[in-house]
């Protein structure tokens, strides 16, 4: 079915544009009018070069989980794949998602498999998603596999949101502390200390240090902000270089607290990825390769690639993970039990759930320790500022007496 690019106006007179599928231009205009749009321009979309991969648009985890769940429900209800894709595209309230599904549907109607059509848009559908869909198509249980994918995506999104929400308050507290101290040193302290400077009496060393810091912030504050911005930009550039990014990731794993949290997070992500792929009947070696690509830390990813190579050569999964050293002992025992009992997918899912619960508890502990630490630090800084102001006052009182 041909695809058309359109420009139209809605009932309120607002202009919009997008892409729609129709048997003919007349049919496409009719579909637009049924949506309450008045088309002003309609032309057939340009054809893509065969075999060319399109970057497509990025899908948020929430959008990906929603369209996957809708698609699995329609397929399990007995609708053909192309009709299911069209129905999900029409139900979507976001034009970006609708256009993306329309492009996938066009490729499916041209004879491509769903996994191949999804693979043409790597930014929207990751390799894990495409490999799982391909396994579902080969096994004939595409609807059930899509339902598992929707559950997996929703669980990953919920875990990510829990971590982000746990870090919101400490970050706000830290920024507030920095802003308050900067305001005191930049505007309050100079006016107060000016009185003691005019008296001509020698000032305590703490007050002199406070004056030096305040003057430095007032004179070179913009330069300091520029230097910090430059360092941040340099750090972001180094993360885009593979060699430097690998060094940063190795350094992160060596940090006392952040390294343990990062390793636990990657272990939970790896186990849950292996679980969904195993349940979808993807071969273990392929699952290990895909699971390694899901890991964000390059150092751990390289070791997981070695685990996949060890399993391909005939070794057991437990032995390979044990040599890697990135999986906690409890998860290793659970995986070993799953291998011996022939229920690796179920044990991987349980291990991932246990690790995510442990990770959530650890993050909660870190946050609970961070908040009083920031309050104590803020109180200490304010105490130094107050002492730097009070010491000259006490000196003046002794001089007067």
Protein backbone atom coordinates (compact mmCIF):
# COMPACT_ATOMS: atom_id res chain seq x y z
CA UNK A 1 0.00 0.00 0.00
CA UNK A 2 1.54 3.35 -0.99
CA UNK A 3 2.45 5.94 1.65
CA UNK A 4 1.70 9.66 1.29
CA UNK A 5 3.13 12.75 2.99
CA UNK A 6 0.48 15.32 3.78
CA UNK A 7 -0.04 18.84 5.10
CA UNK A 8 -3.44 19.63 6.56
CA UNK A 9 -5.43 21.77 8.98
CA UNK A 10 -7.49 20.49 11.90
CA UNK A 11 -10.90 21.74 13.05
CA UNK A 12 -9.27 24.59 15.02
CA UNK A 13 -7.31 25.75 11.97
CA UNK A 14 -3.94 24.54 13.24
CA UNK A 15 -1.53 23.28 10.61
CA UNK A 16 -0.07 19.80 10.87
CA UNK A 17 1.86 17.36 8.71
CA UNK A 18 2.54 13.66 8.71
CA UNK A 19 2.41 10.44 6.75
CA UNK A 20 -0.56 8.21 5.94
CA UNK A 21 -1.14 5.04 3.94
CA UNK A 22 -3.87 4.67 1.33
CA UNK A 23 -4.77 2.74 -1.79
CA UNK A 24 -4.75 5.97 -3.80
CA UNK A 25 -4.46 9.73 -3.22
CA UNK A 26 -8.25 9.93 -3.12
CA UNK A 27 -8.41 7.21 -0.48
CA UNK A 28 -5.71 8.97 1.56
CA UNK A 29 -7.63 12.27 1.45
CA UNK A 30 -10.75 10.45 2.59
CA UNK A 31 -8.90 8.94 5.53
CA UNK A 32 -7.63 12.38 6.51
CA UNK A 33 -11.13 13.84 6.41
CA UNK A 34 -12.33 11.00 8.63
CA UNK A 35 -9.71 12.10 11.14
CA UNK A 36 -11.09 15.65 11.06
CA UNK A 37 -8.22 17.02 8.94
CA UNK A 38 -8.55 19.17 5.83
CA UNK A 39 -5.65 18.24 3.50
CA UNK A 40 -3.96 21.09 1.64
CA UNK A 41 -1.06 19.11 0.15
CA UNK A 42 -0.65 15.40 -0.55
CA UNK A 43 2.18 13.67 -2.33
CA UNK A 44 3.51 10.15 -2.44
CA UNK A 45 6.42 9.50 -0.12
CA UNK A 46 9.81 8.93 -1.68
CA UNK A 47 10.84 5.31 -2.01
CA UNK A 48 13.74 4.07 0.03
CA UNK A 49 16.64 2.25 -1.50
CA UNK A 50 16.17 -1.52 -1.07
CA UNK A 51 18.15 -2.94 1.83
CA UNK A 52 18.95 0.50 3.22
CA UNK A 53 18.69 0.79 6.99
CA UNK A 54 16.72 3.76 8.20
CA UNK A 55 17.52 5.33 11.53
CA UNK A 56 13.83 6.10 12.08
CA UNK A 57 12.67 7.88 15.20
CA UNK A 58 13.53 7.16 18.79
CA UNK A 59 10.87 5.50 20.93
CA UNK A 60 10.69 5.92 24.67
CA UNK A 61 10.44 2.72 26.74
CA UNK A 62 6.85 3.64 27.65
CA UNK A 63 5.84 4.02 23.97
CA UNK A 64 7.64 0.80 23.04
CA UNK A 65 5.93 -1.15 25.83
CA UNK A 66 2.49 0.24 24.93
CA UNK A 67 2.64 -0.53 21.22
CA UNK A 68 4.12 -3.98 21.93
CA UNK A 69 1.27 -4.81 24.31
CA UNK A 70 -1.35 -3.55 21.85
CA UNK A 71 0.22 -5.52 19.01
CA UNK A 72 0.40 -8.73 21.06
CA UNK A 73 -3.28 -8.39 22.07
CA UNK A 74 -4.43 -7.97 18.47
CA UNK A 75 -2.28 -10.84 17.18
CA UNK A 76 -3.48 -13.20 19.91
CA UNK A 77 -7.06 -12.20 19.01
CA UNK A 78 -6.48 -13.63 15.52
CA UNK A 79 -5.95 -10.47 13.43
CA UNK A 80 -3.41 -10.65 10.60
CA UNK A 81 -0.10 -8.97 11.24
CA UNK A 82 -0.56 -6.14 8.72
CA UNK A 83 -4.03 -5.32 10.08
CA UNK A 84 -2.70 -5.33 13.63
CA UNK A 85 0.08 -2.91 12.70
CA UNK A 86 -2.39 -0.63 10.95
CA UNK A 87 -4.79 -0.68 13.91
CA UNK A 88 -2.03 0.17 16.41
CA UNK A 89 -0.83 3.00 14.14
CA UNK A 90 -4.33 4.47 13.96
CA UNK A 91 -4.83 4.23 17.72
CA UNK A 92 -1.55 5.98 18.51
CA UNK A 93 -1.94 9.63 19.52
CA UNK A 94 1.67 10.44 18.68
CA UNK A 95 2.38 11.16 15.03
CA UNK A 96 5.96 9.93 15.35
CA UNK A 97 4.85 6.50 16.56
CA UNK A 98 2.10 6.27 13.93
CA UNK A 99 4.50 7.12 11.10
CA UNK A 100 7.03 4.59 12.35
CA UNK A 101 4.45 1.80 12.51
CA UNK A 102 3.17 2.75 9.07
CA UNK A 103 6.69 2.37 7.69
CA UNK A 104 7.05 -1.03 9.40
CA UNK A 105 3.67 -2.10 7.98
CA UNK A 106 4.72 -1.09 4.46
CA UNK A 107 7.81 -3.30 4.70
CA UNK A 108 5.75 -6.21 6.05
CA UNK A 109 3.28 -5.88 3.17
CA UNK A 110 6.24 -5.96 0.77
CA UNK A 111 7.01 -9.46 2.04
CA UNK A 112 9.57 -8.83 4.77
CA UNK A 113 9.41 -10.60 8.11
CA UNK A 114 8.38 -8.47 11.08
CA UNK A 115 11.81 -8.80 12.70
CA UNK A 116 13.49 -7.66 9.47
CA UNK A 117 11.12 -4.70 9.17
CA UNK A 118 11.76 -3.70 12.76
CA UNK A 119 15.52 -4.07 12.28
CA UNK A 120 15.42 -1.28 9.68
CA UNK A 121 14.80 1.17 12.55
CA UNK A 122 17.55 0.40 15.11
CA UNK A 123 17.02 3.58 17.13
CA UNK A 124 13.40 2.63 17.83
CA UNK A 125 13.69 -1.16 18.10
CA UNK A 126 16.89 -2.45 19.77
CA UNK A 127 18.64 -5.67 18.83
CA UNK A 128 17.10 -7.50 21.79
CA UNK A 129 13.61 -6.61 20.56
CA UNK A 130 14.27 -7.73 16.97
CA UNK A 131 15.93 -11.01 17.99
CA UNK A 132 13.05 -11.90 20.30
CA UNK A 133 10.47 -11.11 17.61
CA UNK A 134 12.39 -13.27 15.13
CA UNK A 135 12.34 -16.16 17.59
CA UNK A 136 8.61 -15.70 18.09
CA UNK A 137 7.99 -15.74 14.34
CA UNK A 138 10.02 -18.93 13.93
CA UNK A 139 8.23 -20.69 16.79
CA UNK A 140 4.75 -19.53 15.73
CA UNK A 141 4.02 -17.90 19.10
CA UNK A 142 4.52 -14.26 18.11
CA UNK A 143 1.66 -12.95 20.26
CA UNK A 144 2.95 -14.57 23.44
CA UNK A 145 6.51 -13.42 22.75
CA UNK A 146 5.34 -9.84 22.20
CA UNK A 147 3.45 -9.98 25.49
CA UNK A 148 6.63 -11.09 27.27
CA UNK A 149 8.52 -8.27 25.55
CA UNK A 150 5.95 -5.73 26.73
CA UNK A 151 6.26 -7.00 30.31
CA UNK A 152 10.06 -6.90 30.08
CA UNK A 153 10.08 -3.35 28.70
CA UNK A 154 7.68 -2.12 31.37
CA UNK A 155 9.78 -3.71 34.11
CA UNK A 156 12.95 -2.04 32.78
CA UNK A 157 11.19 1.31 32.63
CA UNK A 158 9.86 0.94 36.18
CA UNK A 159 13.32 0.02 37.48
CA UNK A 160 14.87 3.02 35.71
CA UNK A 161 12.23 5.36 37.13
CA UNK A 162 12.77 4.08 40.66
CA UNK A 163 16.47 4.84 40.41
CA UNK A 164 15.85 8.29 38.93
CA UNK A 165 13.27 9.20 41.59
CA UNK A 166 15.63 8.05 44.33
CA UNK A 167 18.32 10.41 43.03
CA UNK A 168 16.11 13.48 42.52
CA UNK A 169 16.01 14.70 46.14
CA UNK A 170 19.77 14.31 46.81
CA UNK A 171 20.61 16.19 43.61
CA UNK A 172 18.20 19.01 44.48
CA UNK A 173 19.68 19.19 47.98
CA UNK A 174 23.23 19.34 46.62
CA UNK A 175 22.38 22.09 44.14
CA UNK A 176 20.61 24.07 46.86
CA UNK A 177 23.66 23.79 49.13
CA UNK A 178 26.00 25.01 46.40
CA UNK A 179 23.70 27.91 45.51
CA UNK A 180 23.33 29.04 49.14
CA UNK A 181 27.05 28.95 49.83
CA UNK A 182 27.80 30.79 46.59
CA UNK A 183 25.26 33.49 47.50
CA UNK A 184 26.72 33.92 50.99
CA UNK A 185 30.29 34.15 49.74
CA UNK A 186 29.47 36.37 46.78
CA UNK A 187 27.06 38.92 48.26
CA UNK A 188 26.60 38.63 52.04
CA UNK A 189 30.11 38.08 53.36
CA UNK A 190 31.82 41.02 51.53
CA UNK A 191 29.39 43.61 52.95
CA UNK A 192 29.70 42.26 56.49
CA UNK A 193 33.48 41.88 56.49
CA UNK A 194 33.99 45.35 55.00
CA UNK A 195 33.24 46.84 58.44
CA UNK A 196 36.12 44.94 60.03
CA UNK A 197 38.50 45.86 57.21
CA UNK A 198 37.77 49.57 57.70
CA UNK A 199 38.60 49.28 61.42
CA UNK A 200 42.25 48.64 60.57
CA UNK A 201 42.62 45.82 63.08
CA UNK A 202 44.36 42.55 62.11
CA UNK A 203 41.86 39.88 61.09
CA UNK A 204 41.93 36.20 62.11
CA UNK A 205 43.26 33.74 59.53
CA UNK A 206 39.81 32.18 59.07
CA UNK A 207 38.31 35.55 58.18
CA UNK A 208 41.19 36.31 55.80
CA UNK A 209 40.68 32.97 54.06
CA UNK A 210 36.95 33.65 53.76
CA UNK A 211 37.62 37.08 52.26
CA UNK A 212 40.07 35.54 49.76
CA UNK A 213 37.53 32.93 48.69
CA UNK A 214 34.79 35.55 48.40
CA UNK A 215 36.98 37.88 46.32
CA UNK A 216 38.04 35.00 44.12
CA UNK A 217 34.42 34.04 43.42
CA UNK A 218 33.43 37.64 42.64
CA UNK A 219 36.39 38.32 40.36
CA UNK A 220 36.81 34.95 38.66
CA UNK A 221 33.37 33.38 39.06
CA UNK A 222 32.56 33.49 35.35
CA UNK A 223 36.00 32.15 34.49
CA UNK A 224 35.52 29.31 36.96
CA UNK A 225 32.12 28.46 35.47
CA UNK A 226 33.68 28.50 31.99
CA UNK A 227 36.47 26.18 33.13
CA UNK A 228 33.95 23.78 34.68
CA UNK A 229 31.87 23.83 31.50
CA UNK A 230 35.00 23.15 29.46
CA UNK A 231 35.95 20.21 31.67
CA UNK A 232 32.42 18.84 31.37
CA UNK A 233 32.53 19.17 27.58
CA UNK A 234 35.94 17.46 27.53
CA UNK A 235 34.58 14.64 29.66
CA UNK A 236 31.59 14.20 27.34
CA UNK A 237 33.94 14.14 24.34
CA UNK A 238 36.13 11.50 26.02
CA UNK A 239 33.03 9.32 26.54
CA UNK A 240 32.50 9.28 22.77
CA UNK A 241 36.02 7.91 22.24
CA UNK A 242 36.06 4.11 22.67
CA UNK A 243 39.47 3.97 24.36
CA UNK A 244 38.75 6.76 26.87
CA UNK A 245 35.23 5.47 27.49
CA UNK A 246 36.65 2.07 28.37
CA UNK A 247 39.06 3.72 30.83
CA UNK A 248 36.24 5.69 32.48
CA UNK A 249 34.14 2.55 32.82
CA UNK A 250 37.03 0.65 34.38
CA UNK A 251 37.60 3.53 36.79
CA UNK A 252 33.91 3.53 37.70
CA UNK A 253 34.07 -0.14 38.67
CA UNK A 254 37.02 0.56 41.01
CA UNK A 255 35.16 3.22 43.02
CA UNK A 256 34.14 1.92 46.47
CA UNK A 257 30.37 2.44 46.37
CA UNK A 258 29.49 3.41 42.81
CA UNK A 259 31.40 0.44 41.43
CA UNK A 260 29.33 -2.06 43.40
CA UNK A 261 26.04 -0.38 42.43
CA UNK A 262 27.05 -0.25 38.76
CA UNK A 263 28.11 -3.91 38.73
CA UNK A 264 24.85 -4.97 40.42
CA UNK A 265 22.80 -2.93 37.94
CA UNK A 266 24.53 -4.48 34.93
CA UNK A 267 24.15 -7.98 36.40
CA UNK A 268 20.40 -7.52 36.84
CA UNK A 269 20.03 -6.16 33.31
CA UNK A 270 22.07 -9.02 31.84
CA UNK A 271 20.11 -11.71 33.72
CA UNK A 272 16.71 -10.28 32.76
CA UNK A 273 17.78 -10.03 29.11
CA UNK A 274 18.93 -13.67 29.09
CA UNK A 275 15.65 -14.69 30.73
CA UNK A 276 13.41 -13.09 28.08
CA UNK A 277 15.56 -14.46 25.26
CA UNK A 278 15.63 -17.98 26.74
CA UNK A 279 11.85 -17.97 27.16
CA UNK A 280 11.58 -16.97 23.49
CA UNK A 281 13.65 -20.00 22.41
CA UNK A 282 16.65 -17.96 21.26
CA UNK A 283 19.85 -20.11 21.32
CA UNK A 284 22.01 -19.53 24.39
CA UNK A 285 25.08 -18.36 22.46
CA UNK A 286 23.03 -15.80 20.53
CA UNK A 287 21.34 -14.74 23.78
CA UNK A 288 24.73 -14.14 25.38
CA UNK A 289 25.87 -11.98 22.47
CA UNK A 290 22.68 -9.90 22.59
CA UNK A 291 22.82 -9.69 26.39
CA UNK A 292 26.40 -8.40 26.19
CA UNK A 293 25.31 -5.61 23.83
CA UNK A 294 22.61 -4.53 26.30
CA UNK A 295 25.25 -3.92 29.02
CA UNK A 296 26.28 -0.27 29.22
CA UNK A 297 29.68 -0.69 30.90
CA UNK A 298 32.26 -1.52 28.22
CA UNK A 299 34.56 -3.40 30.61
CA UNK A 300 31.77 -5.74 31.72
CA UNK A 301 30.52 -6.04 28.13
CA UNK A 302 33.93 -7.28 26.98
CA UNK A 303 34.01 -9.91 29.73
CA UNK A 304 30.48 -11.05 28.84
CA UNK A 305 31.61 -11.46 25.23
CA UNK A 306 34.31 -13.77 26.56
CA UNK A 307 31.60 -15.71 28.41
CA UNK A 308 29.72 -16.18 25.12
CA UNK A 309 32.92 -17.40 23.48
CA UNK A 310 33.50 -19.86 26.33
CA UNK A 311 29.95 -21.26 26.04
CA UNK A 312 30.34 -21.62 22.26
CA UNK A 313 33.47 -23.67 22.85
CA UNK A 314 31.55 -26.09 25.08
CA UNK A 315 31.83 -24.60 28.55
CA UNK A 316 28.96 -24.09 30.95
CA UNK A 317 27.30 -20.73 31.51
CA UNK A 318 27.98 -20.81 35.24
CA UNK A 319 31.69 -21.48 34.74
CA UNK A 320 32.02 -18.65 32.22
CA UNK A 321 30.20 -16.15 34.46
CA UNK A 322 32.28 -17.22 37.44
CA UNK A 323 35.50 -16.53 35.54
CA UNK A 324 34.18 -13.12 34.50
CA UNK A 325 33.70 -12.08 38.12
CA UNK A 326 30.88 -9.61 37.48
CA UNK A 327 27.93 -11.72 38.68
CA UNK A 328 27.24 -11.88 42.44
CA UNK A 329 27.68 -15.32 44.10
CA UNK A 330 23.97 -15.71 44.89
CA UNK A 331 23.04 -15.18 41.24
CA UNK A 332 25.71 -17.70 40.21
CA UNK A 333 24.22 -20.34 42.53
CA UNK A 334 20.74 -19.71 41.13
CA UNK A 335 21.97 -19.91 37.52
CA UNK A 336 23.88 -23.13 38.29
CA UNK A 337 20.74 -24.64 39.79
CA UNK A 338 18.76 -23.65 36.70
CA UNK A 339 21.34 -25.26 34.41
CA UNK A 340 21.30 -28.54 36.35
CA UNK A 341 17.50 -28.65 36.52
CA UNK A 342 16.96 -27.61 32.89
CA UNK A 343 15.02 -24.48 33.93
CA UNK A 344 17.57 -21.84 33.10
CA UNK A 345 15.04 -19.25 31.89
CA UNK A 346 12.99 -19.39 35.11
CA UNK A 347 16.05 -19.20 37.34
CA UNK A 348 17.46 -16.31 35.33
CA UNK A 349 14.19 -14.41 35.79
CA UNK A 350 14.23 -15.10 39.54
CA UNK A 351 17.88 -14.10 39.78
CA UNK A 352 17.14 -10.85 37.97
CA UNK A 353 14.23 -10.08 40.31
CA UNK A 354 16.34 -10.84 43.37
CA UNK A 355 19.19 -8.69 42.10
CA UNK A 356 16.88 -5.78 41.29
CA UNK A 357 15.37 -5.95 44.77
CA UNK A 358 18.86 -5.99 46.30
CA UNK A 359 19.90 -3.10 44.06
CA UNK A 360 16.84 -1.05 45.09
CA UNK A 361 17.66 -1.64 48.76
CA UNK A 362 21.29 -0.64 48.20
CA UNK A 363 20.32 2.55 46.38
CA UNK A 364 17.87 3.41 49.16
CA UNK A 365 20.69 2.94 51.69
CA UNK A 366 23.05 5.16 49.70
CA UNK A 367 20.39 7.87 49.39
CA UNK A 368 19.56 7.65 53.09
CA UNK A 369 23.26 8.17 53.91
CA UNK A 370 23.72 10.92 51.33
CA UNK A 371 20.98 13.17 52.68
CA UNK A 372 22.36 13.56 56.26
CA UNK A 373 25.89 13.82 54.85
CA UNK A 374 24.84 16.79 52.72
CA UNK A 375 23.07 18.39 55.69
CA UNK A 376 26.17 17.95 57.88
CA UNK A 377 28.40 19.35 55.13
CA UNK A 378 26.10 22.31 54.63
CA UNK A 379 26.00 22.93 58.38
CA UNK A 380 29.78 22.76 58.57
CA UNK A 381 30.24 25.30 55.78
CA UNK A 382 27.71 27.70 57.33
CA UNK A 383 29.43 27.26 60.71
CA UNK A 384 32.78 28.26 59.18
CA UNK A 385 31.22 31.35 57.62
CA UNK A 386 29.59 32.36 60.92
CA UNK A 387 32.84 31.80 62.84
CA UNK A 388 34.76 33.86 60.28
CA UNK A 389 32.34 36.73 60.92
CA UNK A 390 32.11 36.34 64.72
CA UNK A 391 35.86 36.14 65.40
CA UNK A 392 36.53 39.77 64.34
CA UNK A 393 33.55 40.88 66.41
CA UNK A 394 34.97 39.20 69.49
CA UNK A 395 38.36 40.78 68.77
CA UNK A 396 36.76 44.24 68.55
CA UNK A 397 34.93 43.71 71.86
CA UNK A 398 38.17 42.73 73.58
CA UNK A 399 39.88 45.80 72.08
CA UNK A 400 37.13 48.10 73.35
CA UNK A 401 37.23 46.58 76.85
